[in-house]
Amino acid sequence: MYKFKPIKPKQFAGKSGRHIRITNFHEEEWSIIESLSPEIAIADILKEYGLKSYDQHRQDSESAQIKARSGFSVGF
């Protein structure tokens, strides 16, 4: 079972920590990461910390479901 782990600002300590806003939605189990500086790209932050965007997570989930379903056969 998947357990939501909120993103903490301390994770981004260093060069970008003060230039990122993080909002966690615990009930929905997702977070928003916003860059407060034009010099910091969210794509770079995601890559550096091994995080996935919503679209990437959704695509990976769909692929896993398709792979799991391919092993089932329907017999009546």
C-alpha atoms as a PDB file:
ATOM      1  CA  MET A   1       0.000   0.000   0.000  1.00  0.00           C
ATOM      2  CA  TYR A   2       1.219   3.500  -0.843  1.00  0.00           C
ATOM      3  CA  LYS A   3       1.764   5.889   2.072  1.00  0.00           C
ATOM      4  CA  PHE A   4       1.847   9.618   1.407  1.00  0.00           C
ATOM      5  CA  LYS A   5       5.061  11.299   2.538  1.00  0.00           C
ATOM      6  CA  PRO A   6       4.650  15.073   2.582  1.00  0.00           C
ATOM      7  CA  ILE A   7       7.504  17.081   1.143  1.00  0.00           C
ATOM      8  CA  LYS A   8       9.289  19.112   3.781  1.00  0.00           C
ATOM      9  CA  PRO A   9      11.065  22.400   3.091  1.00  0.00           C
ATOM     10  CA  LYS A  10      14.152  21.038   4.871  1.00  0.00           C
ATOM     11  CA  GLN A  11      14.599  18.617   1.966  1.00  0.00           C
ATOM     12  CA  PHE A  12      15.470  21.555  -0.232  1.00  0.00           C
ATOM     13  CA  ALA A  13      17.983  23.190   2.079  1.00  0.00           C
ATOM     14  CA  GLY A  14      20.879  24.728   0.252  1.00  0.00           C
ATOM     15  CA  LYS A  15      20.927  26.637  -2.982  1.00  0.00           C
ATOM     16  CA  SER A  16      17.191  26.566  -3.676  1.00  0.00           C
ATOM     17  CA  GLY A  17      15.534  26.146  -0.276  1.00  0.00           C
ATOM     18  CA  ARG A  18      14.443  29.746   0.203  1.00  0.00           C
ATOM     19  CA  HIS A  19      13.257  30.084  -3.373  1.00  0.00           C
ATOM     20  CA  ILE A  20      10.705  27.270  -3.293  1.00  0.00           C
ATOM     21  CA  ARG A  21       7.193  27.213  -1.830  1.00  0.00           C
ATOM     22  CA  ILE A  22       5.747  23.836  -0.888  1.00  0.00           C
ATOM     23  CA  THR A  23       2.073  23.215  -0.189  1.00  0.00           C
ATOM     24  CA  ASN A  24       1.080  19.736   1.034  1.00  0.00           C
ATOM     25  CA  PHE A  25      -2.464  18.420   0.708  1.00  0.00           C
ATOM     26  CA  HIS A  26      -2.588  15.551   3.174  1.00  0.00           C
ATOM     27  CA  GLU A  27      -6.126  14.344   2.472  1.00  0.00           C
ATOM     28  CA  GLU A  28      -5.525  14.285  -1.272  1.00  0.00           C
ATOM     29  CA  GLU A  29      -1.986  12.937  -0.759  1.00  0.00           C
ATOM     30  CA  TRP A  30      -0.167  15.313  -3.089  1.00  0.00           C
ATOM     31  CA  SER A  31       2.026  18.392  -2.940  1.00  0.00           C
ATOM     32  CA  ILE A  32       2.572  21.533  -4.989  1.00  0.00           C
ATOM     33  CA  ILE A  33       6.111  22.812  -5.458  1.00  0.00           C
ATOM     34  CA  GLU A  34       6.397  26.400  -6.711  1.00  0.00           C
ATOM     35  CA  SER A  35       9.503  28.270  -7.732  1.00  0.00           C
ATOM     36  CA  LEU A  36       9.712  31.774  -6.290  1.00  0.00           C
ATOM     37  CA  SER A  37      12.690  32.648  -8.476  1.00  0.00           C
ATOM     38  CA  PRO A  38      12.936  32.752 -12.275  1.00  0.00           C
ATOM     39  CA  GLU A  39      16.386  31.182 -11.919  1.00  0.00           C
ATOM     40  CA  ILE A  40      15.041  27.936 -10.458  1.00  0.00           C
ATOM     41  CA  ALA A  41      13.190  25.522 -12.746  1.00  0.00           C
ATOM     42  CA  ILE A  42      10.826  23.044 -11.140  1.00  0.00           C
ATOM     43  CA  ALA A  43      11.919  20.381 -13.656  1.00  0.00           C
ATOM     44  CA  ASP A  44      15.462  20.687 -12.270  1.00  0.00           C
ATOM     45  CA  ILE A  45      14.200  20.346  -8.690  1.00  0.00           C
ATOM     46  CA  LEU A  46      12.164  17.251  -9.576  1.00  0.00           C
ATOM     47  CA  LYS A  47      15.163  15.655 -11.249  1.00  0.00           C
ATOM     48  CA  GLU A  48      17.626  16.565  -8.483  1.00  0.00           C
ATOM     49  CA  TYR A  49      15.456  15.128  -5.698  1.00  0.00           C
ATOM     50  CA  GLY A  50      13.999  12.172  -7.603  1.00  0.00           C
ATOM     51  CA  LEU A  51      10.417  13.445  -7.537  1.00  0.00           C
ATOM     52  CA  LYS A  52       7.734  12.832 -10.150  1.00  0.00           C
ATOM     53  CA  SER A  53       5.245  15.281 -11.576  1.00  0.00           C
ATOM     54  CA  TYR A  54       1.562  14.411 -11.427  1.00  0.00           C
ATOM     55  CA  ASP A  55       1.591  13.511 -15.124  1.00  0.00           C
ATOM     56  CA  GLN A  56       4.639  11.261 -14.714  1.00  0.00           C
ATOM     57  CA  HIS A  57       3.092   9.512 -11.720  1.00  0.00           C
ATOM     58  CA  ARG A  58      -0.182   9.007 -13.576  1.00  0.00           C
ATOM     59  CA  GLN A  59       1.593   7.622 -16.639  1.00  0.00           C
ATOM     60  CA  ASP A  60       3.652   5.202 -14.501  1.00  0.00           C
ATOM     61  CA  SER A  61       0.493   4.074 -12.689  1.00  0.00           C
ATOM     62  CA  GLU A  62      -1.358   3.453 -15.946  1.00  0.00           C
ATOM     63  CA  SER A  63       1.592   1.461 -17.316  1.00  0.00           C
ATOM     64  CA  ALA A  64       1.713  -0.656 -14.161  1.00  0.00           C
ATOM     65  CA  GLN A  65      -2.034  -1.341 -14.394  1.00  0.00           C
ATOM     66  CA  ILE A  66      -1.792  -2.343 -18.054  1.00  0.00           C
ATOM     67  CA  LYS A  67       1.136  -4.635 -17.276  1.00  0.00           C
ATOM     68  CA  ALA A  68      -0.751  -6.235 -14.352  1.00  0.00           C
ATOM     69  CA  ARG A  69      -3.894  -6.750 -16.436  1.00  0.00           C
ATOM     70  CA  SER A  70      -1.971  -8.402 -19.297  1.00  0.00           C
ATOM     71  CA  GLY A  71      -1.384 -11.419 -17.070  1.00  0.00           C
ATOM     72  CA  PHE A  72      -5.099 -12.065 -16.613  1.00  0.00           C
ATOM     73  CA  SER A  73      -7.197 -14.121 -18.978  1.00  0.00           C
ATOM     74  CA  VAL A  74     -10.961 -14.078 -19.028  1.00  0.00           C
ATOM     75  CA  GLY A  75     -12.578 -17.479 -19.125  1.00  0.00           C
ATOM     76  CA  PHE A  76     -16.259 -18.185 -19.006  1.00  0.00           C
END
